[in-house]
């Protein structure tokens, strides 16, 4: 994997199956989003089942600027790993690994193929994504707390 990746992991007290059902349902992504940008899914955001599936999301950049985006699934290993990207070519990846006490969840943001990757530093994009991933994992942990 490239060094142009932000990744964090957290043990979540639930089964991989429960987490998987949340990840493959775009209409539920706003429930756990730590970035504050995911506002909801759009028409065509049905359950994801394979590489090549697309889903539309309503977004809000920096909490102010609304926009719509279409993502394409680029990795799909049922119950274990899913990744998607949009036209900017950066990838959001989720990996689930059964572990004692629940599931080790790893979320990654990969920008090695991103069109605007070289501009991310000055605009704090990388720091924002790092913080958002950590918050998303905290949201997941809270959602499935005993």
C-alpha atoms as a PDB file:
ATOM      1  CA  UNK A   1       0.000   0.000   0.000  1.00  0.00           C
ATOM      2  CA  UNK A   2       1.144   3.562  -0.713  1.00  0.00           C
ATOM      3  CA  UNK A   3       2.338   5.961   1.962  1.00  0.00           C
ATOM      4  CA  UNK A   4      -0.487   8.232   0.814  1.00  0.00           C
ATOM      5  CA  UNK A   5      -2.974   6.603   3.149  1.00  0.00           C
ATOM      6  CA  UNK A   6      -4.598   7.655   6.395  1.00  0.00           C
ATOM      7  CA  UNK A   7      -5.778   4.678   8.375  1.00  0.00           C
ATOM      8  CA  UNK A   8      -7.156   4.018  11.842  1.00  0.00           C
ATOM      9  CA  UNK A   9      -8.498   0.905  13.527  1.00  0.00           C
ATOM     10  CA  UNK A  10     -10.759   0.323  16.508  1.00  0.00           C
ATOM     11  CA  UNK A  11     -12.267  -2.709  18.197  1.00  0.00           C
ATOM     12  CA  UNK A  12     -16.058  -2.476  17.924  1.00  0.00           C
ATOM     13  CA  UNK A  13     -18.226  -4.613  20.212  1.00  0.00           C
ATOM     14  CA  UNK A  14     -20.365  -6.257  17.562  1.00  0.00           C
ATOM     15  CA  UNK A  15     -20.187  -8.883  14.864  1.00  0.00           C
ATOM     16  CA  UNK A  16     -18.676  -8.318  11.435  1.00  0.00           C
ATOM     17  CA  UNK A  17     -22.132  -9.099   9.961  1.00  0.00           C
ATOM     18  CA  UNK A  18     -23.798  -6.201  11.789  1.00  0.00           C
ATOM     19  CA  UNK A  19     -21.077  -3.795  10.718  1.00  0.00           C
ATOM     20  CA  UNK A  20     -21.167  -5.087   7.146  1.00  0.00           C
ATOM     21  CA  UNK A  21     -24.912  -4.447   6.876  1.00  0.00           C
ATOM     22  CA  UNK A  22     -24.318  -0.849   7.908  1.00  0.00           C
ATOM     23  CA  UNK A  23     -21.497  -0.322   5.397  1.00  0.00           C
ATOM     24  CA  UNK A  24     -23.291  -1.820   2.378  1.00  0.00           C
ATOM     25  CA  UNK A  25     -26.362   0.382   2.958  1.00  0.00           C
ATOM     26  CA  UNK A  26     -25.503   3.919   1.780  1.00  0.00           C
ATOM     27  CA  UNK A  27     -28.742   5.261   3.276  1.00  0.00           C
ATOM     28  CA  UNK A  28     -27.145   4.611   6.690  1.00  0.00           C
ATOM     29  CA  UNK A  29     -23.709   6.185   6.098  1.00  0.00           C
ATOM     30  CA  UNK A  30     -24.751   9.520   7.620  1.00  0.00           C
ATOM     31  CA  UNK A  31     -25.473   7.678  10.905  1.00  0.00           C
ATOM     32  CA  UNK A  32     -21.770   7.121  11.542  1.00  0.00           C
ATOM     33  CA  UNK A  33     -20.052   9.856   9.500  1.00  0.00           C
ATOM     34  CA  UNK A  34     -17.418  11.637  11.559  1.00  0.00           C
ATOM     35  CA  UNK A  35     -16.700  14.316   8.971  1.00  0.00           C
ATOM     36  CA  UNK A  36     -20.066  16.054   9.106  1.00  0.00           C
ATOM     37  CA  UNK A  37     -20.158  16.071   5.306  1.00  0.00           C
ATOM     38  CA  UNK A  38     -22.441  13.097   4.601  1.00  0.00           C
ATOM     39  CA  UNK A  39     -26.001  14.405   4.622  1.00  0.00           C
ATOM     40  CA  UNK A  40     -27.828  11.381   3.202  1.00  0.00           C
ATOM     41  CA  UNK A  41     -28.174   9.075   0.258  1.00  0.00           C
ATOM     42  CA  UNK A  42     -29.848   9.838  -3.041  1.00  0.00           C
ATOM     43  CA  UNK A  43     -31.950   7.739  -5.363  1.00  0.00           C
ATOM     44  CA  UNK A  44     -29.892   4.809  -6.563  1.00  0.00           C
ATOM     45  CA  UNK A  45     -28.225   4.242  -3.212  1.00  0.00           C
ATOM     46  CA  UNK A  46     -29.495   0.730  -2.670  1.00  0.00           C
ATOM     47  CA  UNK A  47     -27.629  -2.070  -0.899  1.00  0.00           C
ATOM     48  CA  UNK A  48     -24.148  -2.556  -2.347  1.00  0.00           C
ATOM     49  CA  UNK A  49     -23.421  -6.051  -3.617  1.00  0.00           C
ATOM     50  CA  UNK A  50     -20.412  -5.986  -5.971  1.00  0.00           C
ATOM     51  CA  UNK A  51     -17.510  -4.103  -7.504  1.00  0.00           C
ATOM     52  CA  UNK A  52     -18.921  -1.588  -9.985  1.00  0.00           C
ATOM     53  CA  UNK A  53     -22.041  -0.729  -7.953  1.00  0.00           C
ATOM     54  CA  UNK A  54     -22.658   3.003  -7.751  1.00  0.00           C
ATOM     55  CA  UNK A  55     -24.415   5.098  -5.147  1.00  0.00           C
ATOM     56  CA  UNK A  56     -25.205   8.774  -4.866  1.00  0.00           C
ATOM     57  CA  UNK A  57     -24.802  10.865  -1.737  1.00  0.00           C
ATOM     58  CA  UNK A  58     -25.865  14.348  -0.711  1.00  0.00           C
ATOM     59  CA  UNK A  59     -22.931  16.087   0.906  1.00  0.00           C
ATOM     60  CA  UNK A  60     -22.067  19.395   2.577  1.00  0.00           C
ATOM     61  CA  UNK A  61     -18.458  20.584   2.369  1.00  0.00           C
ATOM     62  CA  UNK A  62     -17.185  22.248   5.575  1.00  0.00           C
ATOM     63  CA  UNK A  63     -20.775  22.246   6.799  1.00  0.00           C
ATOM     64  CA  UNK A  64     -21.702  25.002   4.332  1.00  0.00           C
ATOM     65  CA  UNK A  65     -21.466  24.145   0.634  1.00  0.00           C
ATOM     66  CA  UNK A  66     -23.962  21.491  -0.533  1.00  0.00           C
ATOM     67  CA  UNK A  67     -23.056  19.142  -3.356  1.00  0.00           C
ATOM     68  CA  UNK A  68     -23.917  15.708  -4.708  1.00  0.00           C
ATOM     69  CA  UNK A  69     -21.460  12.947  -5.445  1.00  0.00           C
ATOM     70  CA  UNK A  70     -21.603   9.521  -7.064  1.00  0.00           C
ATOM     71  CA  UNK A  71     -19.338   6.795  -5.695  1.00  0.00           C
ATOM     72  CA  UNK A  72     -18.307   3.529  -7.337  1.00  0.00           C
ATOM     73  CA  UNK A  73     -17.436   0.385  -5.388  1.00  0.00           C
ATOM     74  CA  UNK A  74     -13.855  -0.646  -6.271  1.00  0.00           C
ATOM     75  CA  UNK A  75     -13.336  -3.479  -3.746  1.00  0.00           C
ATOM     76  CA  UNK A  76     -15.959  -5.904  -2.479  1.00  0.00           C
ATOM     77  CA  UNK A  77     -15.111  -8.931  -0.355  1.00  0.00           C
ATOM     78  CA  UNK A  78     -18.412  -9.945   1.191  1.00  0.00           C
ATOM     79  CA  UNK A  79     -18.426  -9.383   4.940  1.00  0.00           C
ATOM     80  CA  UNK A  80     -14.768  -8.421   5.046  1.00  0.00           C
ATOM     81  CA  UNK A  81     -13.754  -5.421   2.902  1.00  0.00           C
ATOM     82  CA  UNK A  82     -15.416  -2.717   0.860  1.00  0.00           C
ATOM     83  CA  UNK A  83     -13.962   0.367  -0.806  1.00  0.00           C
ATOM     84  CA  UNK A  84     -15.406   3.091  -2.999  1.00  0.00           C
ATOM     85  CA  UNK A  85     -14.263   6.196  -4.822  1.00  0.00           C
ATOM     86  CA  UNK A  86     -15.743   9.043  -6.814  1.00  0.00           C
ATOM     87  CA  UNK A  87     -14.476  11.025  -9.811  1.00  0.00           C
ATOM     88  CA  UNK A  88     -11.623  12.529  -7.722  1.00  0.00           C
ATOM     89  CA  UNK A  89     -10.189   8.991  -7.473  1.00  0.00           C
ATOM     90  CA  UNK A  90      -9.486   8.988  -3.747  1.00  0.00           C
ATOM     91  CA  UNK A  91     -10.658   5.839  -2.024  1.00  0.00           C
ATOM     92  CA  UNK A  92     -12.454   5.165   1.254  1.00  0.00           C
ATOM     93  CA  UNK A  93     -11.782   1.613   2.425  1.00  0.00           C
ATOM     94  CA  UNK A  94     -13.339  -0.413   5.245  1.00  0.00           C
ATOM     95  CA  UNK A  95     -11.863  -3.689   6.515  1.00  0.00           C
ATOM     96  CA  UNK A  96     -13.530  -5.932   9.097  1.00  0.00           C
ATOM     97  CA  UNK A  97     -11.648  -8.585  11.039  1.00  0.00           C
ATOM     98  CA  UNK A  98     -13.259 -10.803  13.682  1.00  0.00           C
ATOM     99  CA  UNK A  99     -11.498 -10.307  17.016  1.00  0.00           C
ATOM    100  CA  UNK A 100     -11.926 -11.265  20.637  1.00  0.00           C
ATOM    101  CA  UNK A 101     -14.646  -8.991  21.987  1.00  0.00           C
ATOM    102  CA  UNK A 102     -16.039  -7.965  18.611  1.00  0.00           C
ATOM    103  CA  UNK A 103     -14.663  -6.798  15.285  1.00  0.00           C
ATOM    104  CA  UNK A 104     -11.498  -4.891  14.479  1.00  0.00           C
ATOM    105  CA  UNK A 105     -12.630  -2.179  12.061  1.00  0.00           C
ATOM    106  CA  UNK A 106     -10.090  -0.363   9.914  1.00  0.00           C
ATOM    107  CA  UNK A 107     -11.091   2.679   7.888  1.00  0.00           C
ATOM    108  CA  UNK A 108      -8.673   4.178   5.374  1.00  0.00           C
ATOM    109  CA  UNK A 109      -8.532   7.216   3.110  1.00  0.00           C
ATOM    110  CA  UNK A 110      -6.198   6.639   0.130  1.00  0.00           C
ATOM    111  CA  UNK A 111      -5.168   9.558  -2.039  1.00  0.00           C
ATOM    112  CA  UNK A 112      -2.284   8.133  -4.093  1.00  0.00           C
ATOM    113  CA  UNK A 113      -4.406   8.234  -7.288  1.00  0.00           C
ATOM    114  CA  UNK A 114      -6.365  11.411  -6.427  1.00  0.00           C
ATOM    115  CA  UNK A 115      -6.432  14.178  -9.050  1.00  0.00           C
ATOM    116  CA  UNK A 116      -5.983  16.910  -6.446  1.00  0.00           C
ATOM    117  CA  UNK A 117      -3.763  14.941  -4.043  1.00  0.00           C
ATOM    118  CA  UNK A 118      -0.815  17.368  -4.269  1.00  0.00           C
ATOM    119  CA  UNK A 119      -3.037  20.232  -3.042  1.00  0.00           C
ATOM    120  CA  UNK A 120      -4.282  18.440   0.083  1.00  0.00           C
ATOM    121  CA  UNK A 121      -1.568  19.685   2.461  1.00  0.00           C
ATOM    122  CA  UNK A 122      -2.177  23.441   2.271  1.00  0.00           C
ATOM    123  CA  UNK A 123      -5.963  22.984   2.549  1.00  0.00           C
ATOM    124  CA  UNK A 124      -5.800  20.722   5.649  1.00  0.00           C
ATOM    125  CA  UNK A 125      -7.631  17.968   3.716  1.00  0.00           C
ATOM    126  CA  UNK A 126      -5.405  15.258   5.168  1.00  0.00           C
ATOM    127  CA  UNK A 127      -5.761  16.489   8.742  1.00  0.00           C
ATOM    128  CA  UNK A 128      -9.533  16.774   8.303  1.00  0.00           C
ATOM    129  CA  UNK A 129      -9.753  13.221   6.946  1.00  0.00           C
ATOM    130  CA  UNK A 130      -7.576  11.907   9.757  1.00  0.00           C
ATOM    131  CA  UNK A 131      -9.855  13.513  12.356  1.00  0.00           C
ATOM    132  CA  UNK A 132     -13.009  12.384  10.535  1.00  0.00           C
ATOM    133  CA  UNK A 133     -11.902   8.740  10.419  1.00  0.00           C
ATOM    134  CA  UNK A 134     -11.207   8.772  14.149  1.00  0.00           C
ATOM    135  CA  UNK A 135     -14.626  10.331  14.849  1.00  0.00           C
ATOM    136  CA  UNK A 136     -16.372   7.841  12.573  1.00  0.00           C
ATOM    137  CA  UNK A 137     -14.797   4.947  14.456  1.00  0.00           C
ATOM    138  CA  UNK A 138     -15.848   6.567  17.741  1.00  0.00           C
ATOM    139  CA  UNK A 139     -19.416   6.859  16.401  1.00  0.00           C
ATOM    140  CA  UNK A 140     -19.339   3.162  15.512  1.00  0.00           C
ATOM    141  CA  UNK A 141     -18.029   2.267  18.934  1.00  0.00           C
ATOM    142  CA  UNK A 142     -20.779   4.274  20.608  1.00  0.00           C
ATOM    143  CA  UNK A 143     -23.459   2.818  18.396  1.00  0.00           C
ATOM    144  CA  UNK A 144     -22.562  -0.749  19.344  1.00  0.00           C
ATOM    145  CA  UNK A 145     -21.561  -0.167  22.978  1.00  0.00           C
ATOM    146  CA  UNK A 146     -23.013  -2.752  25.360  1.00  0.00           C
END
